[in-house]
Amino acid sequence: MSAFCVFGVSRSDCMRIAEKKIKRYDDEKKRNLTMEEWRAAVDALAQDLFATTTRHRQVSPAFDAPQFARDWVAVAVRSDQVKGADIRVRDVVLDGEGKPVKRNGKILMTWQHFKG
């Protein structure tokens, strides 16, 4: 079972969000943006999002062992495609007494920060 994953902020996620936010029609100038103008606006917004975003998402595939996740982080951070990368492990949610939380008769699982 794949239990380890990397969470962080990736440039590709920021680019995808920026492409959805920037319209191809300029309301002020009453005309369609050229592809160069639109791409420049998307790139500027994506760089701004990458610099300011703090919400971490899953940015890697699932791995079987933490050393594979560490290797993935080393490559991604070195290539400046991911920031704030942290490794998380799939784990059971515990209540205040240390007992597993159940929903609909099944034990609830979530991603927890990996210490190791």
PDB file of N, CA and C in Angstrom:
ATOM      1  N   MET A   1       0.838  -1.183   0.000  1.00  0.00           N
ATOM      2  CA  MET A   1       0.000   0.000   0.000  1.00  0.00           C
ATOM      3  C   MET A   1       0.880   1.242   0.000  1.00  0.00           C
ATOM      4  N   SER A   2       0.554   2.219  -0.782  1.00  0.00           N
ATOM      5  CA  SER A   2       1.311   3.470  -0.855  1.00  0.00           C
ATOM      6  C   SER A   2       0.872   4.372   0.279  1.00  0.00           C
ATOM      7  N   ALA A   3       1.808   4.685   1.164  1.00  0.00           N
ATOM      8  CA  ALA A   3       1.428   5.402   2.369  1.00  0.00           C
ATOM      9  C   ALA A   3       2.116   6.745   2.525  1.00  0.00           C
ATOM     10  N   PHE A   4       3.038   7.097   1.635  1.00  0.00           N
ATOM     11  CA  PHE A   4       3.770   8.350   1.772  1.00  0.00           C
ATOM     12  C   PHE A   4       3.513   9.239   0.571  1.00  0.00           C
ATOM     13  N   CYS A   5       3.485  10.549   0.810  1.00  0.00           N
ATOM     14  CA  CYS A   5       3.191  11.496  -0.250  1.00  0.00           C
ATOM     15  C   CYS A   5       3.835  12.835   0.091  1.00  0.00           C
ATOM     16  N   VAL A   6       4.074  13.663  -0.910  1.00  0.00           N
ATOM     17  CA  VAL A   6       4.647  14.992  -0.698  1.00  0.00           C
ATOM     18  C   VAL A   6       3.561  16.035  -0.922  1.00  0.00           C
ATOM     19  N   PHE A   7       3.454  16.967   0.024  1.00  0.00           N
ATOM     20  CA  PHE A   7       2.533  18.083  -0.076  1.00  0.00           C
ATOM     21  C   PHE A   7       3.345  19.363  -0.175  1.00  0.00           C
ATOM     22  N   GLY A   8       2.834  20.350  -0.895  1.00  0.00           N
ATOM     23  CA  GLY A   8       3.520  21.623  -1.041  1.00  0.00           C
ATOM     24  C   GLY A   8       2.786  22.507  -2.034  1.00  0.00           C
ATOM     25  N   VAL A   9       3.488  23.528  -2.510  1.00  0.00           N
ATOM     26  CA  VAL A   9       2.938  24.445  -3.514  1.00  0.00           C
ATOM     27  C   VAL A   9       3.745  24.236  -4.789  1.00  0.00           C
ATOM     28  N   SER A  10       3.073  23.906  -5.887  1.00  0.00           N
ATOM     29  CA  SER A  10       3.790  23.651  -7.144  1.00  0.00           C
ATOM     30  C   SER A  10       3.503  24.740  -8.172  1.00  0.00           C
ATOM     31  N   ARG A  11       4.488  24.961  -9.025  1.00  0.00           N
ATOM     32  CA  ARG A  11       4.327  25.948 -10.097  1.00  0.00           C
ATOM     33  C   ARG A  11       3.225  25.537 -11.076  1.00  0.00           C
ATOM     34  N   SER A  12       3.102  24.256 -11.351  1.00  0.00           N
ATOM     35  CA  SER A  12       2.092  23.816 -12.316  1.00  0.00           C
ATOM     36  C   SER A  12       0.678  24.062 -11.785  1.00  0.00           C
ATOM     37  N   ASP A  13       0.457  23.870 -10.478  1.00  0.00           N
ATOM     38  CA  ASP A  13      -0.853  24.189  -9.898  1.00  0.00           C
ATOM     39  C   ASP A  13      -1.135  25.684  -9.985  1.00  0.00           C
ATOM     40  N   CYS A  14      -0.131  26.504  -9.692  1.00  0.00           N
ATOM     41  CA  CYS A  14      -0.310  27.958  -9.779  1.00  0.00           C
ATOM     42  C   CYS A  14      -0.604  28.385 -11.213  1.00  0.00           C
ATOM     43  N   MET A  15       0.044  27.756 -12.181  1.00  0.00           N
ATOM     44  CA  MET A  15      -0.197  28.074 -13.591  1.00  0.00           C
ATOM     45  C   MET A  15      -1.621  27.690 -13.989  1.00  0.00           C
ATOM     46  N   ARG A  16      -2.083  26.544 -13.544  1.00  0.00           N
ATOM     47  CA  ARG A  16      -3.444  26.094 -13.872  1.00  0.00           C
ATOM     48  C   ARG A  16      -4.486  27.055 -13.268  1.00  0.00           C
ATOM     49  N   ILE A  17      -4.269  27.500 -12.043  1.00  0.00           N
ATOM     50  CA  ILE A  17      -5.194  28.444 -11.403  1.00  0.00           C
ATOM     51  C   ILE A  17      -5.187  29.773 -12.151  1.00  0.00           C
ATOM     52  N   ALA A  18      -4.005  30.242 -12.539  1.00  0.00           N
ATOM     53  CA  ALA A  18      -3.898  31.522 -13.247  1.00  0.00           C
ATOM     54  C   ALA A  18      -4.588  31.455 -14.609  1.00  0.00           C
ATOM     55  N   GLU A  19      -4.463  30.325 -15.298  1.00  0.00           N
ATOM     56  CA  GLU A  19      -5.121  30.189 -16.603  1.00  0.00           C
ATOM     57  C   GLU A  19      -6.638  30.258 -16.482  1.00  0.00           C
ATOM     58  N   LYS A  20      -7.172  29.789 -15.367  1.00  0.00           N
ATOM     59  CA  LYS A  20      -8.622  29.853 -15.166  1.00  0.00           C
ATOM     60  C   LYS A  20      -9.069  31.266 -14.794  1.00  0.00           C
ATOM     61  N   LYS A  21      -8.222  32.011 -14.092  1.00  0.00           N
ATOM     62  CA  LYS A  21      -8.615  33.347 -13.617  1.00  0.00           C
ATOM     63  C   LYS A  21      -8.502  34.433 -14.670  1.00  0.00           C
ATOM     64  N   ILE A  22      -7.519  34.340 -15.543  1.00  0.00           N
ATOM     65  CA  ILE A  22      -7.300  35.390 -16.547  1.00  0.00           C
ATOM     66  C   ILE A  22      -8.242  35.154 -17.724  1.00  0.00           C
ATOM     67  N   LYS A  23      -9.057  36.149 -17.996  1.00  0.00           N
ATOM     68  CA  LYS A  23     -10.000  36.062 -19.112  1.00  0.00           C
ATOM     69  C   LYS A  23      -9.296  36.408 -20.419  1.00  0.00           C
ATOM     70  N   ARG A  24      -9.816  35.875 -21.492  1.00  0.00           N
ATOM     71  CA  ARG A  24      -9.242  36.153 -22.809  1.00  0.00           C
ATOM     72  C   ARG A  24      -9.836  37.421 -23.429  1.00  0.00           C
ATOM     73  N   TYR A  25     -10.837  37.993 -22.755  1.00  0.00           N
ATOM     74  CA  TYR A  25     -11.472  39.209 -23.266  1.00  0.00           C
ATOM     75  C   TYR A  25     -11.213  40.332 -22.270  1.00  0.00           C
ATOM     76  N   ASP A  26     -10.719  41.473 -22.747  1.00  0.00           N
ATOM     77  CA  ASP A  26     -10.445  42.631 -21.907  1.00  0.00           C
ATOM     78  C   ASP A  26     -11.669  43.542 -21.928  1.00  0.00           C
ATOM     79  N   ASP A  27     -12.356  43.640 -20.777  1.00  0.00           N
ATOM     80  CA  ASP A  27     -13.571  44.461 -20.691  1.00  0.00           C
ATOM     81  C   ASP A  27     -13.281  45.948 -20.856  1.00  0.00           C
ATOM     82  N   GLU A  28     -12.139  46.417 -20.366  1.00  0.00           N
ATOM     83  CA  GLU A  28     -11.812  47.841 -20.453  1.00  0.00           C
ATOM     84  C   GLU A  28     -11.538  48.278 -21.896  1.00  0.00           C
ATOM     85  N   LYS A  29     -10.817  47.462 -22.635  1.00  0.00           N
ATOM     86  CA  LYS A  29     -10.458  47.813 -24.015  1.00  0.00           C
ATOM     87  C   LYS A  29     -11.459  47.280 -25.028  1.00  0.00           C
ATOM     88  N   LYS A  30     -12.415  46.501 -24.567  1.00  0.00           N
ATOM     89  CA  LYS A  30     -13.469  45.951 -25.424  1.00  0.00           C
ATOM     90  C   LYS A  30     -12.905  45.155 -26.603  1.00  0.00           C
ATOM     91  N   ARG A  31     -11.953  44.276 -26.311  1.00  0.00           N
ATOM     92  CA  ARG A  31     -11.372  43.455 -27.369  1.00  0.00           C
ATOM     93  C   ARG A  31     -10.797  42.179 -26.763  1.00  0.00           C
ATOM     94  N   ASN A  32     -10.565  41.211 -27.619  1.00  0.00           N
ATOM     95  CA  ASN A  32      -9.917  39.976 -27.197  1.00  0.00           C
ATOM     96  C   ASN A  32      -8.425  40.225 -27.019  1.00  0.00           C
ATOM     97  N   LEU A  33      -7.842  39.585 -26.007  1.00  0.00           N
ATOM     98  CA  LEU A  33      -6.400  39.683 -25.811  1.00  0.00           C
ATOM     99  C   LEU A  33      -5.693  38.799 -26.835  1.00  0.00           C
ATOM    100  N   THR A  34      -4.537  39.247 -27.278  1.00  0.00           N
ATOM    101  CA  THR A  34      -3.734  38.385 -28.136  1.00  0.00           C
ATOM    102  C   THR A  34      -3.164  37.265 -27.275  1.00  0.00           C
ATOM    103  N   MET A  35      -2.685  36.229 -27.909  1.00  0.00           N
ATOM    104  CA  MET A  35      -2.126  35.105 -27.163  1.00  0.00           C
ATOM    105  C   MET A  35      -0.917  35.545 -26.335  1.00  0.00           C
ATOM    106  N   GLU A  36      -0.086  36.460 -26.856  1.00  0.00           N
ATOM    107  CA  GLU A  36       1.081  36.944 -26.128  1.00  0.00           C
ATOM    108  C   GLU A  36       0.665  37.745 -24.895  1.00  0.00           C
ATOM    109  N   GLU A  37      -0.351  38.608 -25.044  1.00  0.00           N
ATOM    110  CA  GLU A  37      -0.834  39.403 -23.903  1.00  0.00           C
ATOM    111  C   GLU A  37      -1.433  38.495 -22.833  1.00  0.00           C
ATOM    112  N   TRP A  38      -2.225  37.527 -23.255  1.00  0.00           N
ATOM    113  CA  TRP A  38      -2.852  36.618 -22.303  1.00  0.00           C
ATOM    114  C   TRP A  38      -1.794  35.781 -21.581  1.00  0.00           C
ATOM    115  N   ARG A  39      -0.816  35.253 -22.328  1.00  0.00           N
ATOM    116  CA  ARG A  39       0.239  34.426 -21.733  1.00  0.00           C
ATOM    117  C   ARG A  39       1.062  35.243 -20.738  1.00  0.00           C
ATOM    118  N   ALA A  40       1.347  36.527 -21.050  1.00  0.00           N
ATOM    119  CA  ALA A  40       2.109  37.382 -20.135  1.00  0.00           C
ATOM    120  C   ALA A  40       1.327  37.611 -18.842  1.00  0.00           C
ATOM    121  N   ALA A  41       0.019  37.843 -18.955  1.00  0.00           N
ATOM    122  CA  ALA A  41      -0.812  38.047 -17.772  1.00  0.00           C
ATOM    123  C   ALA A  41      -0.894  36.771 -16.932  1.00  0.00           C
ATOM    124  N   VAL A  42      -1.006  35.635 -17.591  1.00  0.00           N
ATOM    125  CA  VAL A  42      -1.059  34.349 -16.880  1.00  0.00           C
ATOM    126  C   VAL A  42       0.258  34.085 -16.159  1.00  0.00           C
ATOM    127  N   ASP A  43       1.375  34.317 -16.839  1.00  0.00           N
ATOM    128  CA  ASP A  43       2.684  34.088 -16.218  1.00  0.00           C
ATOM    129  C   ASP A  43       2.894  34.987 -15.012  1.00  0.00           C
ATOM    130  N   ALA A  44       2.490  36.250 -15.119  1.00  0.00           N
ATOM    131  CA  ALA A  44       2.645  37.177 -13.995  1.00  0.00           C
ATOM    132  C   ALA A  44       1.801  36.740 -12.800  1.00  0.00           C
ATOM    133  N   LEU A  45       0.560  36.361 -13.045  1.00  0.00           N
ATOM    134  CA  LEU A  45      -0.306  35.912 -11.954  1.00  0.00           C
ATOM    135  C   LEU A  45       0.207  34.607 -11.356  1.00  0.00           C
ATOM    136  N   ALA A  46       0.692  33.689 -12.179  1.00  0.00           N
ATOM    137  CA  ALA A  46       1.205  32.414 -11.680  1.00  0.00           C
ATOM    138  C   ALA A  46       2.431  32.633 -10.790  1.00  0.00           C
ATOM    139  N   GLN A  47       3.320  33.536 -11.177  1.00  0.00           N
ATOM    140  CA  GLN A  47       4.491  33.820 -10.338  1.00  0.00           C
ATOM    141  C   GLN A  47       4.072  34.448  -9.019  1.00  0.00           C
ATOM    142  N   ASP A  48       3.088  35.342  -9.061  1.00  0.00           N
ATOM    143  CA  ASP A  48       2.583  35.961  -7.836  1.00  0.00           C
ATOM    144  C   ASP A  48       1.935  34.919  -6.918  1.00  0.00           C
ATOM    145  N   LEU A  49       1.145  34.025  -7.495  1.00  0.00           N
ATOM    146  CA  LEU A  49       0.518  32.966  -6.709  1.00  0.00           C
ATOM    147  C   LEU A  49       1.561  32.052  -6.087  1.00  0.00           C
ATOM    148  N   PHE A  50       2.597  31.693  -6.842  1.00  0.00           N
ATOM    149  CA  PHE A  50       3.637  30.815  -6.327  1.00  0.00           C
ATOM    150  C   PHE A  50       4.379  31.478  -5.165  1.00  0.00           C
ATOM    151  N   ALA A  51       4.570  32.792  -5.243  1.00  0.00           N
ATOM    152  CA  ALA A  51       5.296  33.504  -4.186  1.00  0.00           C
ATOM    153  C   ALA A  51       4.458  33.691  -2.925  1.00  0.00           C
ATOM    154  N   THR A  52       3.125  33.814  -3.083  1.00  0.00           N
ATOM    155  CA  THR A  52       2.292  34.164  -1.930  1.00  0.00           C
ATOM    156  C   THR A  52       1.442  33.028  -1.381  1.00  0.00           C
ATOM    157  N   THR A  53       1.220  31.975  -2.137  1.00  0.00           N
ATOM    158  CA  THR A  53       0.340  30.901  -1.700  1.00  0.00           C
ATOM    159  C   THR A  53       0.986  30.111  -0.575  1.00  0.00           C
ATOM    160  N   THR A  54       0.185  29.787   0.441  1.00  0.00           N
ATOM    161  CA  THR A  54       0.672  28.981   1.556  1.00  0.00           C
ATOM    162  C   THR A  54      -0.126  27.693   1.715  1.00  0.00           C
ATOM    163  N   ARG A  55      -1.172  27.519   0.928  1.00  0.00           N
ATOM    164  CA  ARG A  55      -1.998  26.323   1.036  1.00  0.00           C
ATOM    165  C   ARG A  55      -1.313  25.156   0.331  1.00  0.00           C
ATOM    166  N   HIS A  56      -1.031  24.124   1.080  1.00  0.00           N
ATOM    167  CA  HIS A  56      -0.337  22.966   0.531  1.00  0.00           C
ATOM    168  C   HIS A  56      -1.326  21.965  -0.030  1.00  0.00           C
ATOM    169  N   ARG A  57      -0.954  21.389  -1.164  1.00  0.00           N
ATOM    170  CA  ARG A  57      -1.732  20.348  -1.825  1.00  0.00           C
ATOM    171  C   ARG A  57      -0.815  19.177  -2.109  1.00  0.00           C
ATOM    172  N   GLN A  58      -1.408  18.052  -2.443  1.00  0.00           N
ATOM    173  CA  GLN A  58      -0.616  16.899  -2.822  1.00  0.00           C
ATOM    174  C   GLN A  58       0.034  17.191  -4.169  1.00  0.00           C
ATOM    175  N   VAL A  59       1.364  17.120  -4.208  1.00  0.00           N
ATOM    176  CA  VAL A  59       2.077  17.459  -5.432  1.00  0.00           C
ATOM    177  C   VAL A  59       2.841  16.277  -6.019  1.00  0.00           C
ATOM    178  N   SER A  60       2.840  15.148  -5.336  1.00  0.00           N
ATOM    179  CA  SER A  60       3.569  13.985  -5.834  1.00  0.00           C
ATOM    180  C   SER A  60       2.641  12.785  -5.903  1.00  0.00           C
ATOM    181  N   PRO A  61       3.070  11.758  -6.619  1.00  0.00           N
ATOM    182  CA  PRO A  61       2.318  10.503  -6.537  1.00  0.00           C
ATOM    183  C   PRO A  61       2.568   9.853  -5.179  1.00  0.00           C
ATOM    184  N   ALA A  62       1.829   8.822  -4.864  1.00  0.00           N
ATOM    185  CA  ALA A  62       2.023   8.110  -3.601  1.00  0.00           C
ATOM    186  C   ALA A  62       3.232   7.183  -3.719  1.00  0.00           C
ATOM    187  N   PHE A  63       3.965   7.069  -2.604  1.00  0.00           N
ATOM    188  CA  PHE A  63       5.162   6.234  -2.561  1.00  0.00           C
ATOM    189  C   PHE A  63       5.011   5.167  -1.485  1.00  0.00           C
ATOM    190  N   ASP A  64       5.778   4.074  -1.636  1.00  0.00           N
ATOM    191  CA  ASP A  64       5.731   2.979  -0.678  1.00  0.00           C
ATOM    192  C   ASP A  64       6.631   3.197   0.524  1.00  0.00           C
ATOM    193  N   ALA A  65       7.643   4.033   0.392  1.00  0.00           N
ATOM    194  CA  ALA A  65       8.597   4.245   1.481  1.00  0.00           C
ATOM    195  C   ALA A  65       9.013   5.717   1.516  1.00  0.00           C
ATOM    196  N   PRO A  66       9.406   6.223   2.683  1.00  0.00           N
ATOM    197  CA  PRO A  66       9.733   7.652   2.789  1.00  0.00           C
ATOM    198  C   PRO A  66      10.972   8.056   1.996  1.00  0.00           C
ATOM    199  N   GLN A  67      11.920   7.142   1.783  1.00  0.00           N
ATOM    200  CA  GLN A  67      13.120   7.525   1.041  1.00  0.00           C
ATOM    201  C   GLN A  67      12.794   7.883  -0.405  1.00  0.00           C
ATOM    202  N   PHE A  68      11.767   7.265  -0.982  1.00  0.00           N
ATOM    203  CA  PHE A  68      11.360   7.624  -2.338  1.00  0.00           C
ATOM    204  C   PHE A  68      10.755   9.028  -2.363  1.00  0.00           C
ATOM    205  N   ALA A  69      10.000   9.375  -1.329  1.00  0.00           N
ATOM    206  CA  ALA A  69       9.439  10.722  -1.224  1.00  0.00           C
ATOM    207  C   ALA A  69      10.552  11.747  -1.028  1.00  0.00           C
ATOM    208  N   ARG A  70      11.573  11.415  -0.236  1.00  0.00           N
ATOM    209  CA  ARG A  70      12.704  12.334  -0.033  1.00  0.00           C
ATOM    210  C   ARG A  70      13.456  12.571  -1.342  1.00  0.00           C
ATOM    211  N   ASP A  71      13.639  11.518  -2.126  1.00  0.00           N
ATOM    212  CA  ASP A  71      14.298  11.664  -3.425  1.00  0.00           C
ATOM    213  C   ASP A  71      13.480  12.564  -4.350  1.00  0.00           C
ATOM    214  N   TRP A  72      12.157  12.397  -4.348  1.00  0.00           N
ATOM    215  CA  TRP A  72      11.279  13.214  -5.178  1.00  0.00           C
ATOM    216  C   TRP A  72      11.377  14.682  -4.759  1.00  0.00           C
ATOM    217  N   VAL A  73      11.408  14.931  -3.436  1.00  0.00           N
ATOM    218  CA  VAL A  73      11.518  16.304  -2.923  1.00  0.00           C
ATOM    219  C   VAL A  73      12.837  16.919  -3.359  1.00  0.00           C
ATOM    220  N   ALA A  74      13.925  16.173  -3.280  1.00  0.00           N
ATOM    221  CA  ALA A  74      15.235  16.710  -3.656  1.00  0.00           C
ATOM    222  C   ALA A  74      15.248  17.177  -5.104  1.00  0.00           C
ATOM    223  N   VAL A  75      14.669  16.408  -5.992  1.00  0.00           N
ATOM    224  CA  VAL A  75      14.634  16.785  -7.405  1.00  0.00           C
ATOM    225  C   VAL A  75      13.697  17.970  -7.631  1.00  0.00           C
ATOM    226  N   ALA A  76      12.528  17.946  -7.033  1.00  0.00           N
ATOM    227  CA  ALA A  76      11.530  19.000  -7.257  1.00  0.00           C
ATOM    228  C   ALA A  76      11.987  20.345  -6.703  1.00  0.00           C
ATOM    229  N   VAL A  77      12.596  20.346  -5.528  1.00  0.00           N
ATOM    230  CA  VAL A  77      13.047  21.601  -4.931  1.00  0.00           C
ATOM    231  C   VAL A  77      14.257  22.146  -5.681  1.00  0.00           C
ATOM    232  N   ARG A  78      15.146  21.268  -6.099  1.00  0.00           N
ATOM    233  CA  ARG A  78      16.332  21.699  -6.851  1.00  0.00           C
ATOM    234  C   ARG A  78      15.935  22.338  -8.176  1.00  0.00           C
ATOM    235  N   SER A  79      14.884  21.831  -8.809  1.00  0.00           N
ATOM    236  CA  SER A  79      14.443  22.388 -10.085  1.00  0.00           C
ATOM    237  C   SER A  79      13.510  23.589  -9.893  1.00  0.00           C
ATOM    238  N   ASP A  80      13.278  23.978  -8.660  1.00  0.00           N
ATOM    239  CA  ASP A  80      12.464  25.157  -8.304  1.00  0.00           C
ATOM    240  C   ASP A  80      11.022  25.033  -8.800  1.00  0.00           C
ATOM    241  N   GLN A  81      10.479  23.827  -8.788  1.00  0.00           N
ATOM    242  CA  GLN A  81       9.101  23.598  -9.194  1.00  0.00           C
ATOM    243  C   GLN A  81       8.151  23.477  -8.010  1.00  0.00           C
ATOM    244  N   VAL A  82       8.687  23.263  -6.802  1.00  0.00           N
ATOM    245  CA  VAL A  82       7.876  23.073  -5.600  1.00  0.00           C
ATOM    246  C   VAL A  82       8.503  23.861  -4.461  1.00  0.00           C
ATOM    247  N   LYS A  83       7.654  24.480  -3.639  1.00  0.00           N
ATOM    248  CA  LYS A  83       8.167  25.132  -2.440  1.00  0.00           C
ATOM    249  C   LYS A  83       7.378  24.618  -1.235  1.00  0.00           C
ATOM    250  N   GLY A  84       8.001  24.656  -0.083  1.00  0.00           N
ATOM    251  CA  GLY A  84       7.350  24.230   1.148  1.00  0.00           C
ATOM    252  C   GLY A  84       7.009  22.755   1.173  1.00  0.00           C
ATOM    253  N   ALA A  85       7.831  21.940   0.524  1.00  0.00           N
ATOM    254  CA  ALA A  85       7.527  20.509   0.422  1.00  0.00           C
ATOM    255  C   ALA A  85       7.687  19.830   1.781  1.00  0.00           C
ATOM    256  N   ASP A  86       6.686  19.042   2.163  1.00  0.00           N
ATOM    257  CA  ASP A  86       6.791  18.220   3.365  1.00  0.00           C
ATOM    258  C   ASP A  86       6.182  16.852   3.082  1.00  0.00           C
ATOM    259  N   ILE A  87       6.766  15.856   3.715  1.00  0.00           N
ATOM    260  CA  ILE A  87       6.340  14.476   3.500  1.00  0.00           C
ATOM    261  C   ILE A  87       5.251  14.145   4.512  1.00  0.00           C
ATOM    262  N   ARG A  88       4.197  13.514   4.024  1.00  0.00           N
ATOM    263  CA  ARG A  88       3.095  13.099   4.901  1.00  0.00           C
ATOM    264  C   ARG A  88       2.852  11.607   4.730  1.00  0.00           C
ATOM    265  N   VAL A  89       2.306  11.020   5.782  1.00  0.00           N
ATOM    266  CA  VAL A  89       2.038   9.590   5.808  1.00  0.00           C
ATOM    267  C   VAL A  89       0.551   9.376   6.052  1.00  0.00           C
ATOM    268  N   ARG A  90       0.009   8.346   5.444  1.00  0.00           N
ATOM    269  CA  ARG A  90      -1.399   7.993   5.632  1.00  0.00           C
ATOM    270  C   ARG A  90      -1.526   7.344   6.995  1.00  0.00           C
ATOM    271  N   ASP A  91      -2.406   7.892   7.868  1.00  0.00           N
ATOM    272  CA  ASP A  91      -2.495   7.415   9.241  1.00  0.00           C
ATOM    273  C   ASP A  91      -3.939   7.494   9.735  1.00  0.00           C
ATOM    274  N   VAL A  92      -4.188   6.805  10.837  1.00  0.00           N
ATOM    275  CA  VAL A  92      -5.510   6.744  11.455  1.00  0.00           C
ATOM    276  C   VAL A  92      -5.751   8.018  12.268  1.00  0.00           C
ATOM    277  N   VAL A  93      -6.967   8.562  12.209  1.00  0.00           N
ATOM    278  CA  VAL A  93      -7.346   9.709  13.021  1.00  0.00           C
ATOM    279  C   VAL A  93      -7.733   9.195  14.413  1.00  0.00           C
ATOM    280  N   LEU A  94      -7.121   9.796  15.441  1.00  0.00           N
ATOM    281  CA  LEU A  94      -7.394   9.384  16.814  1.00  0.00           C
ATOM    282  C   LEU A  94      -8.191  10.459  17.536  1.00  0.00           C
ATOM    283  N   ASP A  95      -9.073  10.015  18.447  1.00  0.00           N
ATOM    284  CA  ASP A  95      -9.828  10.976  19.255  1.00  0.00           C
ATOM    285  C   ASP A  95      -8.986  11.377  20.473  1.00  0.00           C
ATOM    286  N   GLY A  96      -9.563  12.119  21.399  1.00  0.00           N
ATOM    287  CA  GLY A  96      -8.852  12.606  22.577  1.00  0.00           C
ATOM    288  C   GLY A  96      -8.350  11.508  23.492  1.00  0.00           C
ATOM    289  N   GLU A  97      -8.964  10.360  23.454  1.00  0.00           N
ATOM    290  CA  GLU A  97      -8.573   9.240  24.308  1.00  0.00           C
ATOM    291  C   GLU A  97      -7.589   8.300  23.615  1.00  0.00           C
ATOM    292  N   GLY A  98      -7.219   8.596  22.393  1.00  0.00           N
ATOM    293  CA  GLY A  98      -6.284   7.761  21.659  1.00  0.00           C
ATOM    294  C   GLY A  98      -6.926   6.611  20.912  1.00  0.00           C
ATOM    295  N   LYS A  99      -8.236   6.623  20.798  1.00  0.00           N
ATOM    296  CA  LYS A  99      -8.949   5.563  20.076  1.00  0.00           C
ATOM    297  C   LYS A  99      -9.211   6.006  18.637  1.00  0.00           C
ATOM    298  N   PRO A 100      -9.209   5.070  17.688  1.00  0.00           N
ATOM    299  CA  PRO A 100      -9.491   5.441  16.300  1.00  0.00           C
ATOM    300  C   PRO A 100     -10.915   5.982  16.120  1.00  0.00           C
ATOM    301  N   VAL A 101     -11.031   7.006  15.295  1.00  0.00           N
ATOM    302  CA  VAL A 101     -12.328   7.601  14.981  1.00  0.00           C
ATOM    303  C   VAL A 101     -12.962   6.775  13.866  1.00  0.00           C
ATOM    304  N   LYS A 102     -14.246   6.434  14.032  1.00  0.00           N
ATOM    305  CA  LYS A 102     -14.959   5.656  13.013  1.00  0.00           C
ATOM    306  C   LYS A 102     -16.075   6.494  12.413  1.00  0.00           C
ATOM    307  N   ARG A 103     -16.242   6.363  11.111  1.00  0.00           N
ATOM    308  CA  ARG A 103     -17.344   6.984  10.384  1.00  0.00           C
ATOM    309  C   ARG A 103     -18.009   5.899   9.563  1.00  0.00           C
ATOM    310  N   ASN A 104     -19.295   5.738   9.732  1.00  0.00           N
ATOM    311  CA  ASN A 104     -20.060   4.717   9.006  1.00  0.00           C
ATOM    312  C   ASN A 104     -19.452   3.320   9.186  1.00  0.00           C
ATOM    313  N   GLY A 105     -18.908   3.071  10.371  1.00  0.00           N
ATOM    314  CA  GLY A 105     -18.350   1.769  10.687  1.00  0.00           C
ATOM    315  C   GLY A 105     -16.938   1.540  10.188  1.00  0.00           C
ATOM    316  N   LYS A 106     -16.351   2.532   9.497  1.00  0.00           N
ATOM    317  CA  LYS A 106     -14.986   2.390   8.978  1.00  0.00           C
ATOM    318  C   LYS A 106     -14.056   3.352   9.711  1.00  0.00           C
ATOM    319  N   ILE A 107     -12.824   2.932   9.894  1.00  0.00           N
ATOM    320  CA  ILE A 107     -11.834   3.781  10.556  1.00  0.00           C
ATOM    321  C   ILE A 107     -11.452   4.919   9.621  1.00  0.00           C
ATOM    322  N   LEU A 108     -11.436   6.142  10.155  1.00  0.00           N
ATOM    323  CA  LEU A 108     -11.137   7.343   9.375  1.00  0.00           C
ATOM    324  C   LEU A 108      -9.629   7.498   9.205  1.00  0.00           C
ATOM    325  N   MET A 109      -9.191   7.679   7.958  1.00  0.00           N
ATOM    326  CA  MET A 109      -7.772   7.855   7.632  1.00  0.00           C
ATOM    327  C   MET A 109      -7.545   9.260   7.093  1.00  0.00           C
ATOM    328  N   THR A 110      -6.324   9.801   7.330  1.00  0.00           N
ATOM    329  CA  THR A 110      -5.972  11.113   6.827  1.00  0.00           C
ATOM    330  C   THR A 110      -4.461  11.200   6.632  1.00  0.00           C
ATOM    331  N   TRP A 111      -4.004  12.286   6.002  1.00  0.00           N
ATOM    332  CA  TRP A 111      -2.571  12.507   5.827  1.00  0.00           C
ATOM    333  C   TRP A 111      -2.035  13.243   7.045  1.00  0.00           C
ATOM    334  N   GLN A 112      -1.041  12.680   7.707  1.00  0.00           N
ATOM    335  CA  GLN A 112      -0.389  13.278   8.875  1.00  0.00           C
ATOM    336  C   GLN A 112       1.059  13.611   8.504  1.00  0.00           C
ATOM    337  N   HIS A 113       1.632  14.622   9.167  1.00  0.00           N
ATOM    338  CA  HIS A 113       3.044  14.968   8.921  1.00  0.00           C
ATOM    339  C   HIS A 113       3.926  13.808   9.343  1.00  0.00           C
ATOM    340  N   PHE A 114       4.893  13.489   8.503  1.00  0.00           N
ATOM    341  CA  PHE A 114       5.805  12.367   8.772  1.00  0.00           C
ATOM    342  C   PHE A 114       7.017  12.891   9.531  1.00  0.00           C
ATOM    343  N   LYS A 115       7.300  12.266  10.650  1.00  0.00           N
ATOM    344  CA  LYS A 115       8.466  12.628  11.457  1.00  0.00           C
ATOM    345  C   LYS A 115       9.464  11.487  11.366  1.00  0.00           C
ATOM    346  N   GLY A 116      10.448  11.667  10.546  1.00  0.00           N
ATOM    347  CA  GLY A 116      11.401  10.571  10.442  1.00  0.00           C
ATOM    348  C   GLY A 116      12.461  10.759   9.435  1.00  0.00           C
TER     349      GLY A 116
END
